C-alpha cells in the first residue's frame, strides 16, 4: 500500500512538473525561443482559413502582417475544433502551448490539439 501511494505521488509530481515546467513568454519574444516548447498568453487579432491549402492561420499579438506569432492549424486538426478557430478566438486573450518554429523568418506554432489553446 505504501508503494502505491509513493508511486501515485511521483506520477502526480511528474505530471505537474511537465505541465508547469514550460517557459512562459510574451508573443513578441517568440522569435527568441525557436525550437523551444513554451506557453504564450496574448490576444488573438484575427486569422484566415485557406481552403486551397486546407490550413488555418491565426494571428497572435498583432494583425497580419505585423503579428508577433502565427498559429498554424492543418486540415485534419482544424476538424477537432467545434467552431472555426480564426473566428472563435478573434479578440480574445488565450494561452497557447507548443513548440516555436521558424517559418520564413517568423515565429510559428503548429497546433495539433484543441488543448493547446485555452481561453484566459
Protein backbone atom coordinates (compact mmCIF):
# COMPACT_ATOMS: atom_id res chain seq x y z
CA UNK A 1 0.00 0.00 0.00
CA UNK A 2 2.84 2.40 0.81
CA UNK A 3 4.41 1.70 -2.58
CA UNK A 4 1.15 2.52 -4.35
CA UNK A 5 0.89 5.85 -2.51
CA UNK A 6 4.51 6.71 -3.30
CA UNK A 7 4.16 5.78 -6.98
CA UNK A 8 0.94 7.77 -7.27
CA UNK A 9 2.60 10.78 -5.64
CA UNK A 10 5.56 10.57 -8.02
CA UNK A 11 3.28 10.37 -11.06
CA UNK A 12 1.35 13.44 -9.92
CA UNK A 13 4.60 15.33 -9.30
CA UNK A 14 5.99 14.36 -12.71
CA UNK A 15 2.82 15.49 -14.47
CA UNK A 16 2.83 18.79 -12.60
CA UNK A 17 6.47 19.44 -13.47
CA UNK A 18 5.86 18.61 -17.14
CA UNK A 19 2.84 20.93 -17.31
CA UNK A 20 4.32 23.87 -15.43
CA UNK A 21 7.95 23.38 -16.41
CA UNK A 22 7.48 25.11 -19.75
CA UNK A 23 8.80 28.59 -20.30
CA UNK A 24 6.15 31.32 -20.29
CA UNK A 25 6.98 34.12 -22.70
CA UNK A 26 5.38 37.11 -24.37
CA UNK A 27 4.30 36.65 -28.00
CA UNK A 28 6.69 39.44 -29.04
CA UNK A 29 9.59 37.31 -27.73
CA UNK A 30 8.63 34.11 -29.57
CA UNK A 31 11.38 34.53 -32.19
CA UNK A 32 13.98 34.30 -29.40
CA UNK A 33 12.68 30.83 -28.44
CA UNK A 34 12.85 28.87 -31.69
CA UNK A 35 12.69 25.09 -31.12
CA UNK A 36 11.59 25.55 -27.51
CA UNK A 37 8.29 24.40 -26.03
CA UNK A 38 6.66 27.44 -24.47
CA UNK A 39 3.42 28.91 -23.14
CA UNK A 40 2.41 32.22 -24.71
CA UNK A 41 -0.52 34.25 -23.42
CA UNK A 42 -1.73 37.07 -25.65
CA UNK A 43 -4.64 38.32 -27.73
CA UNK A 44 -5.80 36.80 -31.00
CA UNK A 45 -6.16 39.54 -33.60
CA UNK A 46 -7.62 37.52 -36.45
CA UNK A 47 -6.83 34.82 -38.90
CA UNK A 48 -7.93 33.11 -42.05
CA UNK A 49 -8.79 29.72 -43.45
CA UNK A 50 -7.04 28.97 -46.72
CA UNK A 51 -9.32 26.37 -48.29
CA UNK A 52 -6.98 25.58 -51.21
CA UNK A 53 -4.14 24.67 -48.85
CA UNK A 54 -6.56 23.37 -46.17
CA UNK A 55 -4.79 25.33 -43.42
CA UNK A 56 -5.81 27.92 -40.85
CA UNK A 57 -3.52 30.78 -39.88
CA UNK A 58 -4.24 32.64 -36.64
CA UNK A 59 -2.56 35.96 -35.76
CA UNK A 60 -1.32 36.36 -32.19
CA UNK A 61 -0.14 39.63 -30.67
CA UNK A 62 -0.96 41.79 -33.70
CA UNK A 63 -2.77 41.87 -37.02
CA UNK A 64 -1.25 40.40 -40.18
CA UNK A 65 1.36 41.24 -41.42
CA UNK A 66 2.54 42.56 -38.04
CA UNK A 67 1.55 39.58 -35.87
CA UNK A 68 4.06 38.57 -33.20
CA UNK A 69 3.31 34.86 -33.73
CA UNK A 70 1.31 32.76 -36.17
CA UNK A 71 -0.60 29.64 -35.22
CA UNK A 72 -0.85 27.04 -37.99
CA UNK A 73 -3.73 24.56 -37.86
CA UNK A 74 -3.76 21.94 -40.62
CA UNK A 75 -6.92 20.47 -42.16
CA UNK A 76 -7.46 17.34 -40.08
CA UNK A 77 -6.54 19.19 -36.90
CA UNK A 78 -8.96 22.02 -37.75
CA UNK A 79 -11.77 19.45 -37.69
CA UNK A 80 -11.08 18.92 -33.97
CA UNK A 81 -12.40 22.43 -33.21
CA UNK A 82 -16.19 22.77 -32.80
CA UNK A 83 -16.16 26.19 -34.49
CA UNK A 84 -13.76 27.97 -36.83
CA UNK A 85 -10.78 28.88 -34.60
CA UNK A 86 -9.90 32.03 -36.56
CA UNK A 87 -13.38 33.37 -35.78
CA UNK A 88 -13.99 31.92 -32.31
CA UNK A 89 -10.75 33.20 -30.76
CA UNK A 90 -10.65 36.61 -32.51
CA UNK A 91 -10.42 39.41 -29.95
CA UNK A 92 -9.92 37.01 -27.05
CA UNK A 93 -6.94 36.50 -24.79
CA UNK A 94 -5.64 32.95 -24.91
CA UNK A 95 -2.70 30.89 -23.73
CA UNK A 96 -1.03 28.73 -26.35
CA UNK A 97 1.26 25.81 -25.57
CA UNK A 98 3.59 24.45 -28.20
CA UNK A 99 6.98 24.42 -29.83
CA UNK A 100 8.02 27.61 -31.58
CA UNK A 101 9.37 27.04 -35.07
CA UNK A 102 10.77 29.43 -37.64
CA UNK A 103 8.76 29.76 -40.84
CA UNK A 104 10.44 32.06 -43.35
CA UNK A 105 11.92 34.21 -40.59
CA UNK A 106 8.74 34.46 -38.49
CA UNK A 107 7.82 32.50 -35.35
CA UNK A 108 5.04 29.95 -35.63
CA UNK A 109 3.43 27.24 -33.51
CA UNK A 110 1.75 24.28 -35.17
CA UNK A 111 -1.47 23.47 -33.30
CA UNK A 112 -2.42 19.80 -33.49
CA UNK A 113 -4.79 19.61 -30.50
CA UNK A 114 -7.54 21.87 -29.18
CA UNK A 115 -5.98 21.68 -25.70
CA UNK A 116 -3.04 23.76 -26.95
CA UNK A 117 -5.24 26.89 -27.00
CA UNK A 118 -7.01 27.88 -23.79
CA UNK A 119 -9.09 30.96 -23.12
CA UNK A 120 -7.79 33.21 -20.34
